[in-house]
Every structure is written in structure tokens, then in C-alpha cells.
Amino acid sequence: MSLVGKPQIIFLDEPTTGLDPEARIEVWNIVKELAGGGTTVFLTTQYLEEAEQLADRISILHEGRIIASGTLAELKQLFPKAKVEYVEKQPTLEEIFLAIIGKKEAI
């Protein structure tokens, strides 16, 4: 991804669709760097974990309409409190791939 100048605002439409896990993490880091440097980033994504990782504010669209909007914490308050459960988590194929290629910080 390349940019000309230092934009105040940038629109990214599903920037990680079709990318391999390593490239996806690189895009995430670029988005975080842009936002950290003061650029306003509008990002559309179909990957909800991506919204959790990157967004300060989230709007949820359904059938062409925004049905909820807020911070992740605000959206979580719309649902009952979470229960504590203990689950044995097996690594995902993405985590295995990243570990094999040496990107352990991404896990």
C-alpha cells in the first residue's frame, strides 16, 4: 500500500480481502500507524475481528442500514454480561502458518 503525501483522511474498502495472513498483518500495522499519526481512517471490512483490532468506533450495517454504532465497549453493553468459561483452544491454521514463517508476534 502506498500513499502520496500525508492525508488527513483515508477511505479503505475491505483492504485485506484476499490477502494471506502475513500481508493482512502488514496492512493492519499500516492502518494502526496511520491512525496513530493522526490520519482519520474509514475502513469497511467483512471480518469482525479486524474491526475489533483496528477501530475506535464501529458501525454495523445490515441490509444497507446502520443498525448499531459505538465503541466496542459500548456495543458489548447491548448484550448480557459474559459468562466465564474455560475452553481448551487449539491453534488456528493462520496461527500455525504465522508461527512456521517466523511471525510469532502475530499470534
C-alpha atoms as a PDB file:
ATOM      1  CA  MET A   1       0.000   0.000   0.000  1.00  0.00           C
ATOM      2  CA  SER A   2       1.376   3.417  -0.866  1.00  0.00           C
ATOM      3  CA  LEU A   3       0.163   6.940  -0.203  1.00  0.00           C
ATOM      4  CA  VAL A   4       1.085  10.296  -1.663  1.00  0.00           C
ATOM      5  CA  GLY A   5       1.701  12.929   0.994  1.00  0.00           C
ATOM      6  CA  LYS A   6       0.223  12.765   4.480  1.00  0.00           C
ATOM      7  CA  PRO A   7      -3.564  12.676   4.088  1.00  0.00           C
ATOM      8  CA  GLN A   8      -5.825  13.847   6.908  1.00  0.00           C
ATOM      9  CA  ILE A   9      -8.423  11.232   5.970  1.00  0.00           C
ATOM     10  CA  ILE A  10      -8.283   7.942   4.069  1.00  0.00           C
ATOM     11  CA  PHE A  11     -11.005   5.525   2.957  1.00  0.00           C
ATOM     12  CA  LEU A  12     -10.135   1.815   2.756  1.00  0.00           C
ATOM     13  CA  ASP A  13     -12.729  -0.564   1.311  1.00  0.00           C
ATOM     14  CA  GLU A  14     -12.035  -4.104   2.548  1.00  0.00           C
ATOM     15  CA  PRO A  15      -8.250  -3.687   2.241  1.00  0.00           C
ATOM     16  CA  THR A  16      -7.397  -7.197   3.479  1.00  0.00           C
ATOM     17  CA  THR A  17      -9.847  -9.246   1.428  1.00  0.00           C
ATOM     18  CA  GLY A  18      -7.945 -11.986  -0.385  1.00  0.00           C
ATOM     19  CA  LEU A  19      -4.639 -11.367   1.393  1.00  0.00           C
ATOM     20  CA  ASP A  20      -2.573 -14.084   3.032  1.00  0.00           C
ATOM     21  CA  PRO A  21      -2.187 -13.854   6.840  1.00  0.00           C
ATOM     22  CA  GLU A  22       1.250 -12.217   6.689  1.00  0.00           C
ATOM     23  CA  ALA A  23       0.128  -9.496   4.263  1.00  0.00           C
ATOM     24  CA  ARG A  24      -3.035  -8.964   6.315  1.00  0.00           C
ATOM     25  CA  ILE A  25      -0.965  -8.225   9.426  1.00  0.00           C
ATOM     26  CA  GLU A  26       1.187  -5.794   7.421  1.00  0.00           C
ATOM     27  CA  VAL A  27      -1.947  -3.900   6.346  1.00  0.00           C
ATOM     28  CA  TRP A  28      -3.180  -3.856   9.969  1.00  0.00           C
ATOM     29  CA  ASN A  29       0.145  -2.344  11.044  1.00  0.00           C
ATOM     30  CA  ILE A  30      -0.066   0.326   8.329  1.00  0.00           C
ATOM     31  CA  VAL A  31      -3.615   1.231   9.388  1.00  0.00           C
ATOM     32  CA  LYS A  32      -2.540   1.445  13.046  1.00  0.00           C
ATOM     33  CA  GLU A  33       0.445   3.620  12.079  1.00  0.00           C
ATOM     34  CA  LEU A  34      -1.738   5.968  10.019  1.00  0.00           C
ATOM     35  CA  ALA A  35      -4.305   6.305  12.806  1.00  0.00           C
ATOM     36  CA  GLY A  36      -1.570   6.774  15.400  1.00  0.00           C
ATOM     37  CA  GLY A  37      -0.120   9.577  13.288  1.00  0.00           C
ATOM     38  CA  GLY A  38      -3.384  11.488  13.261  1.00  0.00           C
ATOM     39  CA  THR A  39      -4.913  10.307   9.980  1.00  0.00           C
ATOM     40  CA  THR A  40      -8.639   9.551  10.160  1.00  0.00           C
ATOM     41  CA  VAL A  41      -9.181   6.086   8.659  1.00  0.00           C
ATOM     42  CA  PHE A  42     -12.599   4.933   7.444  1.00  0.00           C
ATOM     43  CA  LEU A  43     -12.410   1.179   6.940  1.00  0.00           C
ATOM     44  CA  THR A  44     -15.008  -1.250   5.659  1.00  0.00           C
ATOM     45  CA  THR A  45     -14.485  -4.911   6.463  1.00  0.00           C
ATOM     46  CA  GLN A  46     -16.391  -8.149   6.490  1.00  0.00           C
ATOM     47  CA  TYR A  47     -14.001  -9.528   9.100  1.00  0.00           C
ATOM     48  CA  LEU A  48     -15.380  -8.640  12.524  1.00  0.00           C
ATOM     49  CA  GLU A  49     -12.120  -9.432  14.337  1.00  0.00           C
ATOM     50  CA  GLU A  50     -10.480  -6.855  12.073  1.00  0.00           C
ATOM     51  CA  ALA A  51     -12.945  -4.219  13.247  1.00  0.00           C
ATOM     52  CA  GLU A  52     -12.211  -5.209  16.859  1.00  0.00           C
ATOM     53  CA  GLN A  53      -8.461  -4.819  16.301  1.00  0.00           C
ATOM     54  CA  LEU A  54      -8.435  -1.599  14.294  1.00  0.00           C
ATOM     55  CA  ALA A  55     -11.500   0.514  15.013  1.00  0.00           C
ATOM     56  CA  ASP A  56     -12.027   3.200  17.637  1.00  0.00           C
ATOM     57  CA  ARG A  57     -15.688   3.347  16.597  1.00  0.00           C
ATOM     58  CA  ILE A  58     -17.711   0.660  14.833  1.00  0.00           C
ATOM     59  CA  SER A  59     -20.890   0.929  12.778  1.00  0.00           C
ATOM     60  CA  ILE A  60     -22.748  -2.278  11.963  1.00  0.00           C
ATOM     61  CA  LEU A  61     -24.600  -2.387   8.658  1.00  0.00           C
ATOM     62  CA  HIS A  62     -27.428  -4.811   7.937  1.00  0.00           C
ATOM     63  CA  GLU A  63     -29.480  -4.776   4.755  1.00  0.00           C
ATOM     64  CA  GLY A  64     -27.980  -1.417   3.775  1.00  0.00           C
ATOM     65  CA  ARG A  65     -28.696   0.384   7.054  1.00  0.00           C
ATOM     66  CA  ILE A  66     -26.607   1.214  10.102  1.00  0.00           C
ATOM     67  CA  ILE A  67     -28.289  -0.714  12.912  1.00  0.00           C
ATOM     68  CA  ALA A  68     -25.739  -0.056  15.672  1.00  0.00           C
ATOM     69  CA  SER A  69     -22.809   2.272  16.205  1.00  0.00           C
ATOM     70  CA  GLY A  70     -20.348   2.950  19.004  1.00  0.00           C
ATOM     71  CA  THR A  71     -17.101   1.842  20.546  1.00  0.00           C
ATOM     72  CA  LEU A  72     -16.519  -1.871  21.021  1.00  0.00           C
ATOM     73  CA  ALA A  73     -17.201  -1.449  24.748  1.00  0.00           C
ATOM     74  CA  GLU A  74     -20.481   0.370  24.033  1.00  0.00           C
ATOM     75  CA  LEU A  75     -21.612  -2.312  21.588  1.00  0.00           C
ATOM     76  CA  LYS A  76     -20.762  -5.073  24.070  1.00  0.00           C
ATOM     77  CA  GLN A  77     -23.048  -3.385  26.635  1.00  0.00           C
ATOM     78  CA  LEU A  78     -26.009  -4.098  24.337  1.00  0.00           C
ATOM     79  CA  PHE A  79     -25.755  -7.774  25.283  1.00  0.00           C
ATOM     80  CA  PRO A  80     -25.978  -9.664  28.589  1.00  0.00           C
ATOM     81  CA  LYS A  81     -22.810  -9.945  30.646  1.00  0.00           C
ATOM     82  CA  ALA A  82     -20.439 -12.663  29.510  1.00  0.00           C
ATOM     83  CA  LYS A  83     -20.151 -15.942  31.363  1.00  0.00           C
ATOM     84  CA  VAL A  84     -16.762 -17.249  32.408  1.00  0.00           C
ATOM     85  CA  GLU A  85     -15.968 -20.470  30.601  1.00  0.00           C
ATOM     86  CA  TYR A  86     -12.754 -22.414  30.334  1.00  0.00           C
ATOM     87  CA  VAL A  87     -12.056 -23.687  26.859  1.00  0.00           C
ATOM     88  CA  GLU A  88      -9.049 -25.520  25.521  1.00  0.00           C
ATOM     89  CA  LYS A  89      -8.024 -23.534  22.469  1.00  0.00           C
ATOM     90  CA  GLN A  90      -6.283 -25.256  19.616  1.00  0.00           C
ATOM     91  CA  PRO A  91      -4.168 -23.087  17.313  1.00  0.00           C
ATOM     92  CA  THR A  92      -5.864 -21.938  14.131  1.00  0.00           C
ATOM     93  CA  LEU A  93      -4.350 -22.699  10.746  1.00  0.00           C
ATOM     94  CA  GLU A  94      -3.499 -18.984  10.456  1.00  0.00           C
ATOM     95  CA  GLU A  95      -1.585 -19.126  13.764  1.00  0.00           C
ATOM     96  CA  ILE A  96       0.257 -22.261  12.612  1.00  0.00           C
ATOM     97  CA  PHE A  97       1.192 -20.590   9.307  1.00  0.00           C
ATOM     98  CA  LEU A  98       2.480 -17.452  11.042  1.00  0.00           C
ATOM     99  CA  ALA A  99       4.500 -19.497  13.551  1.00  0.00           C
ATOM    100  CA  ILE A 100       6.088 -21.547  10.765  1.00  0.00           C
ATOM    101  CA  ILE A 101       7.170 -18.462   8.806  1.00  0.00           C
ATOM    102  CA  GLY A 102       8.515 -16.814  11.949  1.00  0.00           C
ATOM    103  CA  LYS A 103       5.846 -14.197  12.651  1.00  0.00           C
ATOM    104  CA  LYS A 104       5.267 -15.336  16.227  1.00  0.00           C
ATOM    105  CA  GLU A 105       4.455 -11.802  17.429  1.00  0.00           C
ATOM    106  CA  ALA A 106       1.218 -12.026  15.425  1.00  0.00           C
ATOM    107  CA  ILE A 107      -0.092 -14.947  17.486  1.00  0.00           C
END
